[in-house]
Amino acid sequence: MCGIIGFAGNTEAVSVLLDGLKWLEYRGYDSAGLAVRDGKALAQVVKAKGRLNNLAEKTDGGKTLKGTCGIGHTRWATHGE
C-alpha cells in the first residue's frame, strides 16, 4: 500500500507534506520521498529508506528543501526493492 500527498500554496510545502505523511505512517512502509519546487528551478527530490524519521532527518526537518509546491509519498514494497 502506498500513500501520496500533494501541496500547492503560499507557504513552504515541506512541513505540510511531512505532516501529511505522518498520517500515513500507520500503514507500514519501507521508504518515503519528497519532491519540492520553488517555481524557478527544477524540483528537488529526496528519498529515504525506512521510517519517515529517516526522511525528516535527511532534510533537516524539511529545512533543506525550499518551495511552495510539492508532493510526498510513502512506499510499501510488496514485491521487493
PDB file of N, CA and C in Angstrom:
ATOM      1  N   MET A   1       0.860  -1.177   0.000  1.00  0.00           N
ATOM      2  CA  MET A   1       0.000   0.000   0.000  1.00  0.00           C
ATOM      3  C   MET A   1       0.901   1.233   0.000  1.00  0.00           C
ATOM      4  N   CYS A   2       0.659   2.139  -0.895  1.00  0.00           N
ATOM      5  CA  CYS A   2       1.415   3.379  -0.980  1.00  0.00           C
ATOM      6  C   CYS A   2       0.499   4.551  -0.643  1.00  0.00           C
ATOM      7  N   GLY A   3       1.092   5.656  -0.285  1.00  0.00           N
ATOM      8  CA  GLY A   3       0.321   6.857   0.004  1.00  0.00           C
ATOM      9  C   GLY A   3       0.966   8.051  -0.662  1.00  0.00           C
ATOM     10  N   ILE A   4       0.133   8.970  -1.122  1.00  0.00           N
ATOM     11  CA  ILE A   4       0.632  10.163  -1.806  1.00  0.00           C
ATOM     12  C   ILE A   4      -0.094  11.382  -1.251  1.00  0.00           C
ATOM     13  N   ILE A   5       0.661  12.465  -1.052  1.00  0.00           N
ATOM     14  CA  ILE A   5       0.074  13.736  -0.627  1.00  0.00           C
ATOM     15  C   ILE A   5       0.719  14.851  -1.445  1.00  0.00           C
ATOM     16  N   GLY A   6      -0.064  15.834  -1.819  1.00  0.00           N
ATOM     17  CA  GLY A   6       0.444  16.962  -2.578  1.00  0.00           C
ATOM     18  C   GLY A   6       0.055  18.274  -1.919  1.00  0.00           C
ATOM     19  N   PHE A   7       0.802  19.330  -2.256  1.00  0.00           N
ATOM     20  CA  PHE A   7       0.513  20.654  -1.714  1.00  0.00           C
ATOM     21  C   PHE A   7       0.961  21.722  -2.702  1.00  0.00           C
ATOM     22  N   ALA A   8       0.125  22.715  -2.876  1.00  0.00           N
ATOM     23  CA  ALA A   8       0.471  23.917  -3.642  1.00  0.00           C
ATOM     24  C   ALA A   8      -0.152  25.092  -2.904  1.00  0.00           C
ATOM     25  N   GLY A   9       0.648  26.072  -2.530  1.00  0.00           N
ATOM     26  CA  GLY A   9       0.111  27.191  -1.760  1.00  0.00           C
ATOM     27  C   GLY A   9       1.097  28.328  -1.656  1.00  0.00           C
ATOM     28  N   ASN A  10       0.931  29.131  -0.614  1.00  0.00           N
ATOM     29  CA  ASN A  10       1.770  30.308  -0.403  1.00  0.00           C
ATOM     30  C   ASN A  10       2.789  30.127   0.710  1.00  0.00           C
ATOM     31  N   THR A  11       2.767  28.964   1.377  1.00  0.00           N
ATOM     32  CA  THR A  11       3.725  28.685   2.448  1.00  0.00           C
ATOM     33  C   THR A  11       4.660  27.561   2.000  1.00  0.00           C
ATOM     34  N   GLU A  12       5.705  27.350   2.770  1.00  0.00           N
ATOM     35  CA  GLU A  12       6.651  26.279   2.449  1.00  0.00           C
ATOM     36  C   GLU A  12       5.933  24.926   2.460  1.00  0.00           C
ATOM     37  N   ALA A  13       6.152  24.149   1.432  1.00  0.00           N
ATOM     38  CA  ALA A  13       5.421  22.896   1.237  1.00  0.00           C
ATOM     39  C   ALA A  13       5.916  21.761   2.129  1.00  0.00           C
ATOM     40  N   VAL A  14       7.193  21.726   2.442  1.00  0.00           N
ATOM     41  CA  VAL A  14       7.767  20.555   3.096  1.00  0.00           C
ATOM     42  C   VAL A  14       7.121  20.244   4.438  1.00  0.00           C
ATOM     43  N   SER A  15       6.880  21.239   5.269  1.00  0.00           N
ATOM     44  CA  SER A  15       6.283  20.964   6.576  1.00  0.00           C
ATOM     45  C   SER A  15       4.883  20.374   6.420  1.00  0.00           C
ATOM     46  N   VAL A  16       4.127  20.873   5.457  1.00  0.00           N
ATOM     47  CA  VAL A  16       2.778  20.339   5.197  1.00  0.00           C
ATOM     48  C   VAL A  16       2.881  18.901   4.703  1.00  0.00           C
ATOM     49  N   LEU A  17       3.824  18.635   3.804  1.00  0.00           N
ATOM     50  CA  LEU A  17       3.992  17.291   3.252  1.00  0.00           C
ATOM     51  C   LEU A  17       4.441  16.295   4.316  1.00  0.00           C
ATOM     52  N   LEU A  18       5.414  16.677   5.140  1.00  0.00           N
ATOM     53  CA  LEU A  18       5.868  15.779   6.204  1.00  0.00           C
ATOM     54  C   LEU A  18       4.748  15.491   7.201  1.00  0.00           C
ATOM     55  N   ASP A  19       3.968  16.509   7.550  1.00  0.00           N
ATOM     56  CA  ASP A  19       2.834  16.291   8.460  1.00  0.00           C
ATOM     57  C   ASP A  19       1.814  15.348   7.831  1.00  0.00           C
ATOM     58  N   GLY A  20       1.546  15.523   6.548  1.00  0.00           N
ATOM     59  CA  GLY A  20       0.608  14.647   5.856  1.00  0.00           C
ATOM     60  C   GLY A  20       1.100  13.212   5.795  1.00  0.00           C
ATOM     61  N   LEU A  21       2.399  13.040   5.577  1.00  0.00           N
ATOM     62  CA  LEU A  21       2.959  11.689   5.540  1.00  0.00           C
ATOM     63  C   LEU A  21       2.891  11.015   6.903  1.00  0.00           C
ATOM     64  N   LYS A  22       2.942  11.791   7.977  1.00  0.00           N
ATOM     65  CA  LYS A  22       2.811  11.214   9.319  1.00  0.00           C
ATOM     66  C   LYS A  22       1.452  10.540   9.486  1.00  0.00           C
ATOM     67  N   TRP A  23       0.428  11.092   8.851  1.00  0.00           N
ATOM     68  CA  TRP A  23      -0.906  10.491   8.921  1.00  0.00           C
ATOM     69  C   TRP A  23      -0.940   9.137   8.216  1.00  0.00           C
ATOM     70  N   LEU A  24      -0.045   8.926   7.271  1.00  0.00           N
ATOM     71  CA  LEU A  24       0.003   7.661   6.537  1.00  0.00           C
ATOM     72  C   LEU A  24       0.937   6.648   7.182  1.00  0.00           C
ATOM     73  N   GLU A  25       1.650   7.066   8.224  1.00  0.00           N
ATOM     74  CA  GLU A  25       2.684   6.229   8.814  1.00  0.00           C
ATOM     75  C   GLU A  25       2.144   4.918   9.381  1.00  0.00           C
ATOM     76  N   TYR A  26       0.943   4.888   9.859  1.00  0.00           N
ATOM     77  CA  TYR A  26       0.401   3.687  10.474  1.00  0.00           C
ATOM     78  C   TYR A  26       0.266   2.534   9.484  1.00  0.00           C
ATOM     79  N   ARG A  27       0.276   2.805   8.204  1.00  0.00           N
ATOM     80  CA  ARG A  27       0.074   1.773   7.190  1.00  0.00           C
ATOM     81  C   ARG A  27       1.258   0.829   7.074  1.00  0.00           C
ATOM     82  N   GLY A  28       2.390   1.241   7.511  1.00  0.00           N
ATOM     83  CA  GLY A  28       3.596   0.438   7.380  1.00  0.00           C
ATOM     84  C   GLY A  28       4.188   0.626   5.992  1.00  0.00           C
ATOM     85  N   TYR A  29       5.450   0.960   5.913  1.00  0.00           N
ATOM     86  CA  TYR A  29       6.084   1.167   4.620  1.00  0.00           C
ATOM     87  C   TYR A  29       7.582   1.027   4.772  1.00  0.00           C
ATOM     88  N   ASP A  30       8.284   0.953   3.641  1.00  0.00           N
ATOM     89  CA  ASP A  30       9.726   0.768   3.712  1.00  0.00           C
ATOM     90  C   ASP A  30      10.511   1.952   3.175  1.00  0.00           C
ATOM     91  N   SER A  31       9.836   2.974   2.643  1.00  0.00           N
ATOM     92  CA  SER A  31      10.555   4.149   2.156  1.00  0.00           C
ATOM     93  C   SER A  31       9.586   5.309   1.964  1.00  0.00           C
ATOM     94  N   ALA A  32      10.166   6.503   1.842  1.00  0.00           N
ATOM     95  CA  ALA A  32       9.360   7.707   1.625  1.00  0.00           C
ATOM     96  C   ALA A  32      10.183   8.701   0.824  1.00  0.00           C
ATOM     97  N   GLY A  33       9.512   9.644   0.197  1.00  0.00           N
ATOM     98  CA  GLY A  33      10.225  10.635  -0.588  1.00  0.00           C
ATOM     99  C   GLY A  33       9.445  11.922  -0.745  1.00  0.00           C
ATOM    100  N   LEU A  34      10.160  12.973  -1.116  1.00  0.00           N
ATOM    101  CA  LEU A  34       9.578  14.290  -1.347  1.00  0.00           C
ATOM    102  C   LEU A  34      10.131  14.866  -2.644  1.00  0.00           C
ATOM    103  N   ALA A  35       9.296  15.604  -3.347  1.00  0.00           N
ATOM    104  CA  ALA A  35       9.741  16.407  -4.488  1.00  0.00           C
ATOM    105  C   ALA A  35       9.121  17.782  -4.296  1.00  0.00           C
ATOM    106  N   VAL A  36       9.967  18.822  -4.241  1.00  0.00           N
ATOM    107  CA  VAL A  36       9.503  20.184  -3.960  1.00  0.00           C
ATOM    108  C   VAL A  36      10.077  21.125  -5.006  1.00  0.00           C
ATOM    109  N   ARG A  37       9.248  22.072  -5.424  1.00  0.00           N
ATOM    110  CA  ARG A  37       9.665  23.027  -6.456  1.00  0.00           C
ATOM    111  C   ARG A  37       9.356  24.442  -5.993  1.00  0.00           C
ATOM    112  N   ASP A  38      10.259  25.357  -6.307  1.00  0.00           N
ATOM    113  CA  ASP A  38      10.063  26.751  -5.914  1.00  0.00           C
ATOM    114  C   ASP A  38       9.527  27.614  -7.059  1.00  0.00           C
ATOM    115  N   GLY A  39       9.311  27.043  -8.219  1.00  0.00           N
ATOM    116  CA  GLY A  39       8.778  27.792  -9.349  1.00  0.00           C
ATOM    117  C   GLY A  39       9.842  28.346 -10.271  1.00  0.00           C
ATOM    118  N   LYS A  40      11.085  28.331  -9.843  1.00  0.00           N
ATOM    119  CA  LYS A  40      12.180  28.874 -10.645  1.00  0.00           C
ATOM    120  C   LYS A  40      13.109  27.777 -11.155  1.00  0.00           C
ATOM    121  N   ALA A  41      13.365  26.803 -10.342  1.00  0.00           N
ATOM    122  CA  ALA A  41      14.292  25.727 -10.693  1.00  0.00           C
ATOM    123  C   ALA A  41      13.538  24.406 -10.797  1.00  0.00           C
ATOM    124  N   LEU A  42      14.225  23.383 -11.245  1.00  0.00           N
ATOM    125  CA  LEU A  42      13.634  22.052 -11.280  1.00  0.00           C
ATOM    126  C   LEU A  42      13.338  21.577  -9.868  1.00  0.00           C
ATOM    127  N   ALA A  43      12.458  20.622  -9.752  1.00  0.00           N
ATOM    128  CA  ALA A  43      12.094  20.076  -8.449  1.00  0.00           C
ATOM    129  C   ALA A  43      13.297  19.429  -7.779  1.00  0.00           C
ATOM    130  N   GLN A  44      13.383  19.599  -6.470  1.00  0.00           N
ATOM    131  CA  GLN A  44      14.389  18.920  -5.664  1.00  0.00           C
ATOM    132  C   GLN A  44      13.746  17.645  -5.146  1.00  0.00           C
ATOM    133  N   VAL A  45      14.422  16.525  -5.293  1.00  0.00           N
ATOM    134  CA  VAL A  45      13.888  15.229  -4.893  1.00  0.00           C
ATOM    135  C   VAL A  45      14.780  14.630  -3.816  1.00  0.00           C
ATOM    136  N   VAL A  46      14.143  14.155  -2.737  1.00  0.00           N
ATOM    137  CA  VAL A  46      14.862  13.487  -1.661  1.00  0.00           C
ATOM    138  C   VAL A  46      14.099  12.209  -1.331  1.00  0.00           C
ATOM    139  N   LYS A  47      14.828  11.095  -1.252  1.00  0.00           N
ATOM    140  CA  LYS A  47      14.241   9.804  -0.909  1.00  0.00           C
ATOM    141  C   LYS A  47      14.997   9.217   0.268  1.00  0.00           C
ATOM    142  N   ALA A  48      14.283   8.422   1.068  1.00  0.00           N
ATOM    143  CA  ALA A  48      14.933   7.768   2.204  1.00  0.00           C
ATOM    144  C   ALA A  48      14.307   6.402   2.434  1.00  0.00           C
ATOM    145  N   LYS A  49      15.140   5.425   2.731  1.00  0.00           N
ATOM    146  CA  LYS A  49      14.652   4.093   3.092  1.00  0.00           C
ATOM    147  C   LYS A  49      14.265   4.097   4.564  1.00  0.00           C
ATOM    148  N   GLY A  50      13.306   3.261   4.901  1.00  0.00           N
ATOM    149  CA  GLY A  50      12.911   3.105   6.289  1.00  0.00           C
ATOM    150  C   GLY A  50      11.782   4.040   6.698  1.00  0.00           C
ATOM    151  N   ARG A  51      11.721   4.331   7.964  1.00  0.00           N
ATOM    152  CA  ARG A  51      10.642   5.126   8.546  1.00  0.00           C
ATOM    153  C   ARG A  51      10.723   6.587   8.114  1.00  0.00           C
ATOM    154  N   LEU A  52       9.631   7.300   8.324  1.00  0.00           N
ATOM    155  CA  LEU A  52       9.547   8.715   7.985  1.00  0.00           C
ATOM    156  C   LEU A  52      10.600   9.543   8.712  1.00  0.00           C
ATOM    157  N   ASN A  53      10.989   9.083   9.880  1.00  0.00           N
ATOM    158  CA  ASN A  53      12.073   9.734  10.631  1.00  0.00           C
ATOM    159  C   ASN A  53      13.313   9.929   9.770  1.00  0.00           C
ATOM    160  N   ASN A  54      13.649   8.925   8.985  1.00  0.00           N
ATOM    161  CA  ASN A  54      14.852   8.984   8.146  1.00  0.00           C
ATOM    162  C   ASN A  54      14.742  10.093   7.106  1.00  0.00           C
ATOM    163  N   LEU A  55      13.565  10.258   6.532  1.00  0.00           N
ATOM    164  CA  LEU A  55      13.353  11.328   5.546  1.00  0.00           C
ATOM    165  C   LEU A  55      13.428  12.694   6.221  1.00  0.00           C
ATOM    166  N   ALA A  56      12.820  12.812   7.388  1.00  0.00           N
ATOM    167  CA  ALA A  56      12.859  14.080   8.126  1.00  0.00           C
ATOM    168  C   ALA A  56      14.300  14.451   8.490  1.00  0.00           C
ATOM    169  N   GLU A  57      15.086  13.461   8.933  1.00  0.00           N
ATOM    170  CA  GLU A  57      16.484  13.721   9.278  1.00  0.00           C
ATOM    171  C   GLU A  57      17.299  14.106   8.046  1.00  0.00           C
ATOM    172  N   LYS A  58      17.047  13.425   6.941  1.00  0.00           N
ATOM    173  CA  LYS A  58      17.794  13.678   5.708  1.00  0.00           C
ATOM    174  C   LYS A  58      17.557  15.089   5.168  1.00  0.00           C
ATOM    175  N   THR A  59      16.392  15.670   5.486  1.00  0.00           N
ATOM    176  CA  THR A  59      16.050  17.025   5.030  1.00  0.00           C
ATOM    177  C   THR A  59      16.123  18.041   6.152  1.00  0.00           C
ATOM    178  N   ASP A  60      16.717  17.655   7.288  1.00  0.00           N
ATOM    179  CA  ASP A  60      16.811  18.526   8.466  1.00  0.00           C
ATOM    180  C   ASP A  60      15.430  19.068   8.835  1.00  0.00           C
ATOM    181  N   GLY A  61      14.479  18.153   8.926  1.00  0.00           N
ATOM    182  CA  GLY A  61      13.109  18.533   9.277  1.00  0.00           C
ATOM    183  C   GLY A  61      12.418  19.325   8.184  1.00  0.00           C
ATOM    184  N   GLY A  62      12.939  19.224   6.967  1.00  0.00           N
ATOM    185  CA  GLY A  62      12.369  19.944   5.837  1.00  0.00           C
ATOM    186  C   GLY A  62      13.034  21.263   5.524  1.00  0.00           C
ATOM    187  N   LYS A  63      14.009  21.650   6.326  1.00  0.00           N
ATOM    188  CA  LYS A  63      14.665  22.953   6.152  1.00  0.00           C
ATOM    189  C   LYS A  63      15.536  23.032   4.896  1.00  0.00           C
ATOM    190  N   THR A  64      15.989  21.891   4.395  1.00  0.00           N
ATOM    191  CA  THR A  64      16.889  21.914   3.239  1.00  0.00           C
ATOM    192  C   THR A  64      16.154  22.022   1.900  1.00  0.00           C
ATOM    193  N   LEU A  65      14.841  21.853   1.907  1.00  0.00           N
ATOM    194  CA  LEU A  65      14.052  21.954   0.679  1.00  0.00           C
ATOM    195  C   LEU A  65      13.195  23.207   0.723  1.00  0.00           C
ATOM    196  N   LYS A  66      13.304  24.027  -0.288  1.00  0.00           N
ATOM    197  CA  LYS A  66      12.518  25.264  -0.349  1.00  0.00           C
ATOM    198  C   LYS A  66      11.565  25.196  -1.533  1.00  0.00           C
ATOM    199  N   GLY A  67      10.343  25.628  -1.298  1.00  0.00           N
ATOM    200  CA  GLY A  67       9.368  25.673  -2.366  1.00  0.00           C
ATOM    201  C   GLY A  67       7.950  25.629  -1.812  1.00  0.00           C
ATOM    202  N   THR A  68       7.022  26.121  -2.579  1.00  0.00           N
ATOM    203  CA  THR A  68       5.623  26.177  -2.151  1.00  0.00           C
ATOM    204  C   THR A  68       4.743  25.181  -2.894  1.00  0.00           C
ATOM    205  N   CYS A  69       5.364  24.287  -3.642  1.00  0.00           N
ATOM    206  CA  CYS A  69       4.625  23.271  -4.388  1.00  0.00           C
ATOM    207  C   CYS A  69       5.393  21.959  -4.268  1.00  0.00           C
ATOM    208  N   GLY A  70       4.693  20.889  -3.909  1.00  0.00           N
ATOM    209  CA  GLY A  70       5.408  19.628  -3.774  1.00  0.00           C
ATOM    210  C   GLY A  70       4.501  18.434  -3.642  1.00  0.00           C
ATOM    211  N   ILE A  71       5.143  17.283  -3.632  1.00  0.00           N
ATOM    212  CA  ILE A  71       4.441  16.011  -3.480  1.00  0.00           C
ATOM    213  C   ILE A  71       5.287  15.117  -2.589  1.00  0.00           C
ATOM    214  N   GLY A  72       4.623  14.325  -1.767  1.00  0.00           N
ATOM    215  CA  GLY A  72       5.304  13.374  -0.900  1.00  0.00           C
ATOM    216  C   GLY A  72       4.692  12.002  -1.078  1.00  0.00           C
ATOM    217  N   HIS A  73       5.471  10.959  -0.829  1.00  0.00           N
ATOM    218  CA  HIS A  73       4.940   9.607  -0.978  1.00  0.00           C
ATOM    219  C   HIS A  73       5.546   8.668   0.048  1.00  0.00           C
ATOM    220  N   THR A  74       4.805   7.635   0.352  1.00  0.00           N
ATOM    221  CA  THR A  74       5.307   6.506   1.122  1.00  0.00           C
ATOM    222  C   THR A  74       5.160   5.285   0.236  1.00  0.00           C
ATOM    223  N   ARG A  75       6.035   4.323   0.425  1.00  0.00           N
ATOM    224  CA  ARG A  75       6.014   3.128  -0.413  1.00  0.00           C
ATOM    225  C   ARG A  75       6.123   1.899   0.468  1.00  0.00           C
ATOM    226  N   TRP A  76       5.265   0.960   0.209  1.00  0.00           N
ATOM    227  CA  TRP A  76       5.305  -0.322   0.898  1.00  0.00           C
ATOM    228  C   TRP A  76       5.625  -1.360  -0.156  1.00  0.00           C
ATOM    229  N   ALA A  77       6.838  -1.850  -0.166  1.00  0.00           N
ATOM    230  CA  ALA A  77       7.264  -2.786  -1.202  1.00  0.00           C
ATOM    231  C   ALA A  77       6.617  -4.153  -0.963  1.00  0.00           C
ATOM    232  N   THR A  78       5.801  -4.563  -1.891  1.00  0.00           N
ATOM    233  CA  THR A  78       5.161  -5.879  -1.790  1.00  0.00           C
ATOM    234  C   THR A  78       5.864  -6.905  -2.670  1.00  0.00           C
ATOM    235  N   HIS A  79       6.749  -6.447  -3.549  1.00  0.00           N
ATOM    236  CA  HIS A  79       7.423  -7.340  -4.485  1.00  0.00           C
ATOM    237  C   HIS A  79       8.920  -7.092  -4.531  1.00  0.00           C
ATOM    238  N   GLY A  80       9.528  -6.710  -3.445  1.00  0.00           N
ATOM    239  CA  GLY A  80      10.968  -6.467  -3.414  1.00  0.00           C
ATOM    240  C   GLY A  80      11.329  -5.028  -3.660  1.00  0.00           C
ATOM    241  N   GLU A  81      12.615  -4.775  -3.832  1.00  0.00           N
ATOM    242  CA  GLU A  81      13.093  -3.390  -3.990  1.00  0.00           C
ATOM    243  C   GLU A  81      12.638  -2.757  -5.270  1.00  0.00           C
TER     244      GLU A  81
END
